[in-house]
N, C-alpha and C. Protein backbone atom coordinates (compact mmCIF):
# COMPACT_ATOMS: atom_id res chain seq x y z
N PRO A 1 0.83 -1.19 0.00
CA PRO A 1 0.00 0.00 0.00
C PRO A 1 0.87 1.24 0.00
N LEU A 2 0.41 2.26 -0.66
CA LEU A 2 1.10 3.52 -0.77
C LEU A 2 0.78 4.40 0.43
N LEU A 3 1.81 4.98 1.04
CA LEU A 3 1.64 5.82 2.21
C LEU A 3 1.67 7.28 1.77
N LEU A 4 0.58 7.98 1.98
CA LEU A 4 0.47 9.39 1.60
C LEU A 4 0.44 10.26 2.85
N ALA A 5 0.89 11.52 2.72
CA ALA A 5 0.89 12.45 3.85
C ALA A 5 -0.52 12.67 4.38
N SER A 6 -1.50 12.60 3.51
CA SER A 6 -2.88 12.83 3.94
C SER A 6 -3.39 11.69 4.81
N SER A 7 -2.76 10.52 4.72
CA SER A 7 -3.22 9.40 5.53
C SER A 7 -2.51 9.32 6.88
N LEU A 8 -1.53 10.21 7.12
CA LEU A 8 -0.82 10.22 8.40
C LEU A 8 -1.59 11.05 9.42
N PRO A 9 -1.41 10.77 10.71
CA PRO A 9 -2.06 11.59 11.73
C PRO A 9 -1.57 13.03 11.61
N SER A 10 -2.42 13.98 11.93
CA SER A 10 -2.09 15.39 11.74
C SER A 10 -0.89 15.82 12.56
N ASP A 11 -0.69 15.29 13.78
CA ASP A 11 0.46 15.66 14.61
C ASP A 11 1.77 15.20 13.96
N LEU A 12 1.77 14.06 13.35
CA LEU A 12 2.96 13.53 12.70
C LEU A 12 3.31 14.36 11.47
N ALA A 13 2.34 14.82 10.77
CA ALA A 13 2.57 15.60 9.56
C ALA A 13 3.19 16.95 9.87
N ARG A 14 3.04 17.46 11.11
CA ARG A 14 3.57 18.77 11.47
C ARG A 14 4.98 18.71 12.04
N THR A 15 5.65 17.58 12.02
CA THR A 15 6.99 17.48 12.63
C THR A 15 8.02 18.34 11.92
N GLY A 16 7.82 18.72 10.70
CA GLY A 16 8.75 19.57 9.99
C GLY A 16 8.58 21.03 10.31
N GLN A 17 7.54 21.40 11.03
CA GLN A 17 7.29 22.80 11.37
C GLN A 17 8.01 23.16 12.66
N ALA A 18 8.30 24.46 12.83
CA ALA A 18 8.93 24.93 14.07
C ALA A 18 7.98 24.68 15.24
N GLN A 19 8.53 24.22 16.35
CA GLN A 19 7.72 23.88 17.51
C GLN A 19 8.07 24.79 18.67
N THR A 20 7.09 25.17 19.47
CA THR A 20 7.31 25.91 20.69
C THR A 20 6.71 25.10 21.82
N PHE A 21 7.57 24.72 22.77
CA PHE A 21 7.10 23.93 23.90
C PHE A 21 6.98 24.84 25.10
N THR A 22 5.84 24.80 25.74
CA THR A 22 5.60 25.67 26.89
C THR A 22 5.48 24.90 28.19
N ALA A 23 5.55 23.59 28.14
CA ALA A 23 5.41 22.80 29.36
C ALA A 23 6.67 22.95 30.22
N ALA A 24 6.51 22.78 31.53
CA ALA A 24 7.64 22.88 32.46
C ALA A 24 8.61 21.73 32.21
N GLN A 25 9.89 22.02 32.37
CA GLN A 25 10.91 21.00 32.20
C GLN A 25 10.81 20.00 33.35
N THR A 26 10.79 18.72 33.01
CA THR A 26 10.62 17.69 34.04
C THR A 26 11.83 16.77 34.13
N PHE A 27 12.92 17.14 33.49
CA PHE A 27 14.11 16.29 33.55
C PHE A 27 15.34 17.15 33.83
N SER A 28 16.38 16.49 34.33
CA SER A 28 17.63 17.19 34.63
C SER A 28 18.59 17.04 33.45
N ILE A 29 19.23 18.11 33.08
CA ILE A 29 20.18 18.06 31.97
C ILE A 29 21.47 17.38 32.41
N ALA A 30 21.95 17.70 33.59
CA ALA A 30 23.21 17.14 34.08
C ALA A 30 22.95 15.83 34.81
N PRO A 31 23.62 14.75 34.39
CA PRO A 31 23.44 13.48 35.10
C PRO A 31 24.13 13.51 36.45
N THR A 32 23.63 12.71 37.34
CA THR A 32 24.27 12.57 38.65
C THR A 32 25.30 11.47 38.55
N ILE A 33 26.55 11.79 38.88
CA ILE A 33 27.62 10.80 38.80
C ILE A 33 28.02 10.43 40.22
N LYS A 34 27.95 9.15 40.48
CA LYS A 34 28.34 8.67 41.80
C LYS A 34 29.83 8.40 41.83
N ASP A 35 30.42 8.41 42.99
CA ASP A 35 31.84 8.12 43.16
C ASP A 35 32.08 6.66 42.79
N ALA A 36 32.95 6.42 41.82
CA ALA A 36 33.22 5.06 41.34
C ALA A 36 33.88 4.20 42.40
N SER A 37 34.54 4.82 43.36
CA SER A 37 35.20 4.02 44.39
C SER A 37 34.19 3.39 45.34
N LYS A 38 32.96 3.92 45.39
CA LYS A 38 31.93 3.38 46.29
C LYS A 38 30.93 2.53 45.53
N ASP A 39 30.60 2.93 44.31
CA ASP A 39 29.59 2.23 43.51
C ASP A 39 30.28 1.17 42.67
N LYS A 40 29.94 -0.08 42.88
CA LYS A 40 30.57 -1.16 42.12
C LYS A 40 29.61 -1.77 41.11
N GLY A 41 28.59 -1.02 40.71
CA GLY A 41 27.64 -1.50 39.72
C GLY A 41 28.20 -1.40 38.32
N ASP A 42 27.34 -1.61 37.33
CA ASP A 42 27.77 -1.58 35.93
C ASP A 42 28.09 -0.17 35.45
N ASN A 43 27.45 0.84 36.02
CA ASN A 43 27.62 2.21 35.54
C ASN A 43 28.53 3.00 36.47
N GLN A 44 29.82 2.78 36.34
CA GLN A 44 30.78 3.50 37.18
C GLN A 44 31.36 4.67 36.41
N ALA A 45 31.64 5.73 37.10
CA ALA A 45 32.30 6.89 36.50
C ALA A 45 33.72 6.96 37.06
N ALA A 46 34.68 7.27 36.20
CA ALA A 46 36.06 7.41 36.65
C ALA A 46 36.21 8.69 37.46
N THR A 47 36.92 8.57 38.56
CA THR A 47 37.19 9.76 39.37
C THR A 47 38.44 10.46 38.84
N MET A 48 38.68 11.67 39.27
CA MET A 48 39.89 12.38 38.87
C MET A 48 41.13 11.62 39.33
N ALA A 49 41.05 10.98 40.50
CA ALA A 49 42.18 10.19 40.99
C ALA A 49 42.45 9.02 40.05
N ASP A 50 41.38 8.38 39.55
CA ASP A 50 41.55 7.29 38.59
C ASP A 50 42.26 7.78 37.34
N LEU A 51 41.84 8.93 36.83
CA LEU A 51 42.42 9.48 35.61
C LEU A 51 43.87 9.89 35.82
N LYS A 52 44.18 10.48 36.97
CA LYS A 52 45.56 10.87 37.27
C LYS A 52 46.45 9.64 37.38
N SER A 53 45.94 8.58 37.99
CA SER A 53 46.70 7.34 38.12
C SER A 53 46.98 6.75 36.75
N LEU A 54 45.99 6.75 35.88
CA LEU A 54 46.16 6.25 34.52
C LEU A 54 47.17 7.09 33.76
N GLU A 55 47.08 8.39 33.92
CA GLU A 55 48.00 9.30 33.23
C GLU A 55 49.45 9.05 33.65
N LYS A 56 49.65 8.76 34.93
CA LYS A 56 51.00 8.53 35.44
C LYS A 56 51.62 7.25 34.91
N SER A 57 50.80 6.27 34.52
CA SER A 57 51.33 5.00 34.04
C SER A 57 51.25 4.86 32.52
N ALA A 58 50.83 5.89 31.82
CA ALA A 58 50.64 5.82 30.37
C ALA A 58 51.96 5.98 29.62
N TRP A 59 52.03 5.36 28.45
CA TRP A 59 53.16 5.55 27.55
C TRP A 59 52.89 6.81 26.74
N ILE A 60 53.92 7.61 26.56
CA ILE A 60 53.81 8.88 25.84
C ILE A 60 54.59 8.76 24.54
N GLN A 61 53.98 9.20 23.45
CA GLN A 61 54.64 9.16 22.14
C GLN A 61 55.35 10.49 21.89
N LEU A 62 56.59 10.41 21.40
CA LEU A 62 57.36 11.61 21.10
C LEU A 62 58.08 11.42 19.77
N ASP A 63 57.80 12.30 18.82
CA ASP A 63 58.46 12.27 17.52
C ASP A 63 59.82 12.95 17.66
N MET A 64 60.88 12.21 17.43
CA MET A 64 62.25 12.71 17.61
C MET A 64 62.87 13.18 16.29
N SER A 65 62.11 13.17 15.20
CA SER A 65 62.68 13.64 13.93
C SER A 65 62.95 15.13 14.03
N GLY A 66 64.08 15.53 13.49
CA GLY A 66 64.46 16.94 13.55
C GLY A 66 65.26 17.30 14.79
N TYR A 67 65.36 16.40 15.75
CA TYR A 67 66.20 16.66 16.93
C TYR A 67 67.67 16.53 16.54
N ASP A 68 68.55 17.18 17.27
CA ASP A 68 69.98 17.11 17.02
C ASP A 68 70.51 15.82 17.65
N GLN A 69 70.31 14.73 16.94
CA GLN A 69 70.71 13.41 17.42
C GLN A 69 70.72 12.45 16.24
N THR A 70 71.20 11.23 16.45
CA THR A 70 71.28 10.26 15.37
C THR A 70 69.92 9.61 15.09
N TYR A 71 69.19 9.19 16.14
CA TYR A 71 67.89 8.56 15.95
C TYR A 71 66.88 9.60 15.49
N GLN A 72 66.10 9.29 14.45
CA GLN A 72 65.17 10.26 13.88
C GLN A 72 63.74 9.72 13.80
N GLY A 73 63.38 8.77 14.66
CA GLY A 73 62.05 8.19 14.64
C GLY A 73 61.20 8.62 15.81
N VAL A 74 60.17 7.84 16.07
CA VAL A 74 59.25 8.07 17.19
C VAL A 74 59.65 7.16 18.34
N ILE A 75 59.63 7.70 19.54
CA ILE A 75 59.84 6.86 20.73
C ILE A 75 58.56 6.83 21.55
N LEU A 76 58.44 5.80 22.35
CA LEU A 76 57.42 5.72 23.39
C LEU A 76 58.18 5.71 24.71
N TYR A 77 57.72 6.52 25.65
CA TYR A 77 58.37 6.51 26.95
C TYR A 77 57.32 6.58 28.05
N ARG A 78 57.70 6.03 29.21
CA ARG A 78 56.82 6.02 30.38
C ARG A 78 57.63 6.46 31.58
N VAL A 79 57.08 7.40 32.33
CA VAL A 79 57.77 7.95 33.50
C VAL A 79 57.28 7.26 34.76
N ASP A 80 58.21 6.75 35.55
CA ASP A 80 57.94 6.23 36.89
C ASP A 80 58.60 7.21 37.85
N ASP A 81 57.86 8.25 38.23
CA ASP A 81 58.44 9.32 39.04
C ASP A 81 58.78 8.87 40.46
N THR A 82 58.08 7.85 40.95
CA THR A 82 58.38 7.32 42.28
C THR A 82 59.81 6.80 42.35
N ASN A 83 60.22 6.05 41.32
CA ASN A 83 61.57 5.47 41.27
C ASN A 83 62.52 6.29 40.40
N LYS A 84 62.06 7.44 39.92
CA LYS A 84 62.86 8.31 39.04
C LYS A 84 63.47 7.52 37.89
N THR A 85 62.61 6.74 37.23
CA THR A 85 63.02 5.90 36.11
C THR A 85 62.14 6.18 34.91
N ILE A 86 62.74 6.23 33.74
CA ILE A 86 61.98 6.36 32.50
C ILE A 86 62.28 5.14 31.64
N TYR A 87 61.21 4.53 31.12
CA TYR A 87 61.31 3.41 30.20
C TYR A 87 61.12 3.96 28.81
N VAL A 88 61.93 3.50 27.86
CA VAL A 88 61.87 4.04 26.50
C VAL A 88 62.05 2.92 25.48
N THR A 89 61.28 3.01 24.40
CA THR A 89 61.40 2.06 23.30
C THR A 89 61.09 2.78 22.00
N GLY A 90 61.53 2.20 20.92
CA GLY A 90 61.24 2.81 19.62
C GLY A 90 61.98 2.09 18.52
N THR A 91 61.49 2.26 17.32
CA THR A 91 62.17 1.77 16.14
C THR A 91 61.90 2.74 15.01
N GLY A 92 62.91 2.98 14.22
CA GLY A 92 62.72 3.93 13.13
C GLY A 92 64.01 4.28 12.44
N PRO A 93 63.96 5.34 11.65
CA PRO A 93 65.14 5.75 10.88
C PRO A 93 66.20 6.40 11.76
N TYR A 94 67.42 6.36 11.26
CA TYR A 94 68.52 7.03 11.95
C TYR A 94 69.46 7.59 10.89
N SER A 95 70.26 8.55 11.29
CA SER A 95 71.15 9.20 10.32
C SER A 95 72.54 8.57 10.35
N SER A 96 73.33 8.94 9.36
CA SER A 96 74.70 8.42 9.27
C SER A 96 75.66 9.16 10.20
N LYS A 97 75.15 10.17 10.90
CA LYS A 97 75.98 10.97 11.81
C LYS A 97 76.64 10.06 12.86
N GLY A 98 77.95 10.02 12.86
CA GLY A 98 78.67 9.25 13.86
C GLY A 98 78.75 7.76 13.60
N SER A 99 78.50 7.34 12.36
CA SER A 99 78.57 5.92 12.04
C SER A 99 79.93 5.35 12.43
N TYR A 100 79.93 4.21 13.08
CA TYR A 100 81.12 3.49 13.54
C TYR A 100 81.91 4.24 14.61
N GLN A 101 81.29 5.21 15.28
CA GLN A 101 81.95 5.90 16.39
C GLN A 101 81.22 5.58 17.69
N VAL A 102 81.87 5.78 18.82
CA VAL A 102 81.24 5.56 20.12
C VAL A 102 80.96 6.90 20.79
N GLY A 103 80.02 6.90 21.73
CA GLY A 103 79.69 8.12 22.46
C GLY A 103 78.85 9.10 21.68
N ILE A 104 78.20 8.64 20.62
CA ILE A 104 77.36 9.50 19.78
C ILE A 104 75.98 9.62 20.42
N THR A 105 75.40 10.81 20.40
CA THR A 105 74.06 11.02 20.95
C THR A 105 73.02 10.41 20.02
N TYR A 106 72.39 9.33 20.48
CA TYR A 106 71.31 8.72 19.72
C TYR A 106 69.96 9.29 20.16
N LEU A 107 69.81 9.56 21.45
CA LEU A 107 68.57 10.16 21.97
C LEU A 107 68.93 11.32 22.89
N ASN A 108 68.53 12.51 22.52
CA ASN A 108 68.73 13.69 23.36
C ASN A 108 67.43 13.94 24.11
N LEU A 109 67.43 13.68 25.41
CA LEU A 109 66.21 13.73 26.21
C LEU A 109 66.17 14.96 27.12
N ASN A 110 66.84 16.03 26.73
CA ASN A 110 66.91 17.22 27.58
C ASN A 110 65.59 17.98 27.67
N LYS A 111 64.60 17.61 26.87
CA LYS A 111 63.27 18.23 27.01
C LYS A 111 62.40 17.44 27.99
N ILE A 112 62.94 16.33 28.50
CA ILE A 112 62.21 15.49 29.44
C ILE A 112 62.89 15.49 30.81
N VAL A 113 64.22 15.30 30.82
CA VAL A 113 64.96 15.22 32.08
C VAL A 113 66.13 16.21 32.09
N HIS A 114 66.56 16.56 33.29
CA HIS A 114 67.73 17.43 33.43
C HIS A 114 69.01 16.65 33.19
N SER A 115 69.12 15.47 33.85
CA SER A 115 70.34 14.68 33.74
C SER A 115 70.03 13.21 33.96
N ILE A 116 70.69 12.35 33.20
CA ILE A 116 70.55 10.90 33.35
C ILE A 116 71.62 10.43 34.33
N LEU A 117 71.22 9.55 35.27
CA LEU A 117 72.14 9.06 36.30
C LEU A 117 72.64 7.65 36.04
N SER A 118 71.84 6.82 35.35
CA SER A 118 72.24 5.46 34.99
C SER A 118 71.40 5.03 33.80
N SER A 119 71.89 4.03 33.06
CA SER A 119 71.13 3.56 31.89
C SER A 119 71.27 2.06 31.76
N SER A 120 70.27 1.45 31.13
CA SER A 120 70.27 0.02 30.89
C SER A 120 69.48 -0.25 29.62
N GLY A 121 70.10 -0.92 28.67
CA GLY A 121 69.41 -1.24 27.44
C GLY A 121 70.36 -1.44 26.29
N ILE A 122 69.78 -1.67 25.12
CA ILE A 122 70.56 -1.97 23.92
C ILE A 122 70.03 -1.14 22.76
N PHE A 123 70.95 -0.59 21.98
CA PHE A 123 70.63 -0.04 20.66
C PHE A 123 70.94 -1.15 19.66
N GLN A 124 70.05 -1.35 18.69
CA GLN A 124 70.28 -2.36 17.66
C GLN A 124 70.08 -1.74 16.29
N VAL A 125 70.83 -2.24 15.33
CA VAL A 125 70.64 -1.87 13.93
C VAL A 125 70.19 -3.14 13.23
N ILE A 126 69.00 -3.09 12.62
CA ILE A 126 68.44 -4.29 11.99
C ILE A 126 68.11 -4.02 10.53
N SER A 127 68.17 -5.07 9.73
CA SER A 127 67.86 -4.96 8.31
C SER A 127 66.36 -4.81 8.12
N LYS A 128 65.96 -3.88 7.26
CA LYS A 128 64.54 -3.71 6.93
C LYS A 128 64.13 -4.64 5.78
N LYS A 129 65.12 -5.25 5.12
CA LYS A 129 64.84 -6.04 3.92
C LYS A 129 64.54 -7.50 4.22
N ASP A 130 65.21 -8.08 5.18
CA ASP A 130 64.97 -9.49 5.47
C ASP A 130 65.14 -9.74 6.95
N ASN A 131 64.95 -10.96 7.33
CA ASN A 131 64.99 -11.33 8.74
C ASN A 131 66.38 -11.86 9.10
N THR A 132 67.41 -11.09 8.80
CA THR A 132 68.78 -11.53 9.07
C THR A 132 69.13 -11.31 10.53
N SER A 133 70.17 -11.99 10.95
CA SER A 133 70.64 -11.83 12.33
C SER A 133 71.22 -10.44 12.51
N PHE A 134 70.95 -9.82 13.63
CA PHE A 134 71.47 -8.49 13.89
C PHE A 134 72.33 -8.46 15.15
N THR A 135 72.76 -9.62 15.61
CA THR A 135 73.52 -9.65 16.85
C THR A 135 74.87 -8.95 16.72
N ASN A 136 75.42 -8.84 15.51
CA ASN A 136 76.69 -8.14 15.33
C ASN A 136 76.51 -6.64 15.31
N HIS A 137 75.29 -6.16 15.30
CA HIS A 137 75.02 -4.72 15.23
C HIS A 137 74.24 -4.25 16.45
N THR A 138 74.82 -4.47 17.62
CA THR A 138 74.19 -4.01 18.86
C THR A 138 75.20 -3.18 19.66
N SER A 139 74.67 -2.34 20.51
CA SER A 139 75.51 -1.55 21.40
C SER A 139 74.79 -1.38 22.73
N SER A 140 75.52 -1.53 23.80
CA SER A 140 74.96 -1.18 25.10
C SER A 140 74.69 0.32 25.12
N ILE A 141 73.70 0.72 25.90
CA ILE A 141 73.35 2.13 26.00
C ILE A 141 74.15 2.76 27.13
N ASN A 142 74.76 3.88 26.84
CA ASN A 142 75.49 4.66 27.83
C ASN A 142 74.79 6.01 27.93
N TYR A 143 75.30 6.92 28.72
CA TYR A 143 74.66 8.23 28.87
C TYR A 143 75.69 9.32 29.08
N LYS A 144 75.29 10.52 28.73
CA LYS A 144 76.13 11.71 28.91
C LYS A 144 75.17 12.89 29.06
N GLY A 145 75.13 13.48 30.25
CA GLY A 145 74.18 14.57 30.50
C GLY A 145 72.76 14.05 30.43
N ALA A 146 71.97 14.60 29.51
CA ALA A 146 70.58 14.15 29.32
C ALA A 146 70.44 13.34 28.04
N ALA A 147 71.55 12.79 27.54
CA ALA A 147 71.54 12.05 26.28
C ALA A 147 71.87 10.58 26.50
N LEU A 148 71.24 9.73 25.69
CA LEU A 148 71.60 8.32 25.64
C LEU A 148 72.56 8.15 24.47
N THR A 149 73.69 7.54 24.73
CA THR A 149 74.74 7.38 23.73
C THR A 149 75.05 5.90 23.52
N ASN A 150 75.80 5.61 22.45
CA ASN A 150 76.20 4.23 22.20
C ASN A 150 77.56 3.94 22.83
N GLU A 151 77.67 2.75 23.41
CA GLU A 151 78.93 2.32 24.02
C GLU A 151 79.83 1.63 22.99
N ASP A 152 79.21 1.03 21.98
CA ASP A 152 79.93 0.31 20.94
C ASP A 152 79.59 0.92 19.58
N PRO A 153 80.50 0.83 18.59
CA PRO A 153 80.22 1.42 17.28
C PRO A 153 79.07 0.70 16.58
N LEU A 154 78.27 1.46 15.86
CA LEU A 154 77.15 0.92 15.09
C LEU A 154 77.28 1.39 13.64
N PRO A 155 77.01 0.49 12.68
CA PRO A 155 77.10 0.89 11.28
C PRO A 155 75.87 1.67 10.84
N TYR A 156 76.02 2.41 9.76
CA TYR A 156 74.87 3.07 9.13
C TYR A 156 74.63 2.43 7.78
N ASN A 157 73.37 2.18 7.48
CA ASN A 157 72.97 1.68 6.17
C ASN A 157 71.53 2.13 5.97
N PRO A 158 71.19 2.75 4.83
CA PRO A 158 69.81 3.20 4.62
C PRO A 158 68.80 2.06 4.61
N ASP A 159 69.28 0.82 4.45
CA ASP A 159 68.38 -0.34 4.48
C ASP A 159 68.22 -0.90 5.89
N TYR A 160 68.78 -0.22 6.88
CA TYR A 160 68.67 -0.65 8.26
C TYR A 160 67.70 0.25 9.02
N ALA A 161 67.12 -0.30 10.06
CA ALA A 161 66.30 0.48 11.00
C ALA A 161 66.98 0.42 12.36
N PHE A 162 66.67 1.37 13.19
CA PHE A 162 67.25 1.48 14.51
C PHE A 162 66.22 1.03 15.53
N LEU A 163 66.64 0.27 16.53
CA LEU A 163 65.73 -0.29 17.52
C LEU A 163 66.30 -0.06 18.92
N ILE A 164 65.42 0.32 19.86
CA ILE A 164 65.80 0.54 21.25
C ILE A 164 65.09 -0.52 22.09
N THR A 165 65.85 -1.36 22.81
CA THR A 165 65.25 -2.43 23.61
C THR A 165 65.93 -2.51 24.97
N GLY A 166 65.40 -3.41 25.80
CA GLY A 166 66.00 -3.68 27.09
C GLY A 166 67.22 -4.58 26.95
N ASP A 167 68.02 -4.68 28.01
CA ASP A 167 69.22 -5.52 27.99
C ASP A 167 68.93 -6.96 27.60
N ASP A 168 67.81 -7.48 28.04
CA ASP A 168 67.44 -8.86 27.76
C ASP A 168 66.54 -8.95 26.52
N TYR A 169 66.63 -7.97 25.65
CA TYR A 169 65.80 -7.86 24.44
C TYR A 169 64.32 -7.73 24.79
N SER A 170 64.05 -7.28 26.00
CA SER A 170 62.66 -6.99 26.37
C SER A 170 62.24 -5.70 25.68
N MET A 171 61.01 -5.31 25.86
CA MET A 171 60.45 -4.20 25.09
C MET A 171 61.16 -2.87 25.28
N ALA A 172 61.60 -2.54 26.49
CA ALA A 172 62.06 -1.18 26.73
C ALA A 172 63.40 -1.12 27.46
N ALA A 173 64.21 -0.16 27.05
CA ALA A 173 65.39 0.22 27.82
C ALA A 173 64.90 1.12 28.95
N HIS A 174 65.74 1.38 29.93
CA HIS A 174 65.33 2.31 30.98
C HIS A 174 66.54 3.06 31.51
N PHE A 175 66.25 4.19 32.12
CA PHE A 175 67.31 4.99 32.74
C PHE A 175 66.74 5.73 33.93
N THR A 176 67.63 6.05 34.86
CA THR A 176 67.23 6.86 36.01
C THR A 176 67.66 8.30 35.76
N TYR A 177 67.00 9.22 36.44
CA TYR A 177 67.24 10.64 36.21
C TYR A 177 67.21 11.40 37.53
N ASP A 178 67.73 12.64 37.50
CA ASP A 178 67.71 13.46 38.71
C ASP A 178 66.37 14.15 38.88
N TYR A 179 65.89 14.85 37.86
CA TYR A 179 64.55 15.44 37.92
C TYR A 179 64.03 15.74 36.51
N LEU A 180 62.71 15.83 36.42
CA LEU A 180 62.05 16.14 35.15
C LEU A 180 62.11 17.63 34.88
N VAL A 181 62.16 18.01 33.61
CA VAL A 181 62.17 19.44 33.26
C VAL A 181 60.77 19.90 32.86
């Protein structure tokens, strides 16, 4: 059957017209949010303390391209201010600056920390073309001021990518610091 406007109820046909409502408002615009620490039902709201706690444990992305350093990719880092430790990981392009030299600044972190006090981790150079062994292209991470440097020489090749890992090839290297800037 064909549905025509004339066969619709008159109130429905007027929905396209401007409406003026004069009845008293019977609902609240702002919802009531209960403290999530007390309410354990399905509808919990995060408290500011919950959000601050999450923020303190979150990984932060930082694009390092254009920095005065050898590594030119994106890093992820997480700050543990209680233990004054920062965890850092990343993989990406690197420049030929300082190829086969030691003590070269691979990560300049002076926009995050004042000074690094200790470091633990590995810089690796890996082939982007195939799954070849990269054990001959690793360096322990050292530090100088607010920079992470290489302890051993690393080659440069445009077909290689740079990787930052933990000493045991875990996800992240880490370092301790004096204070955040």
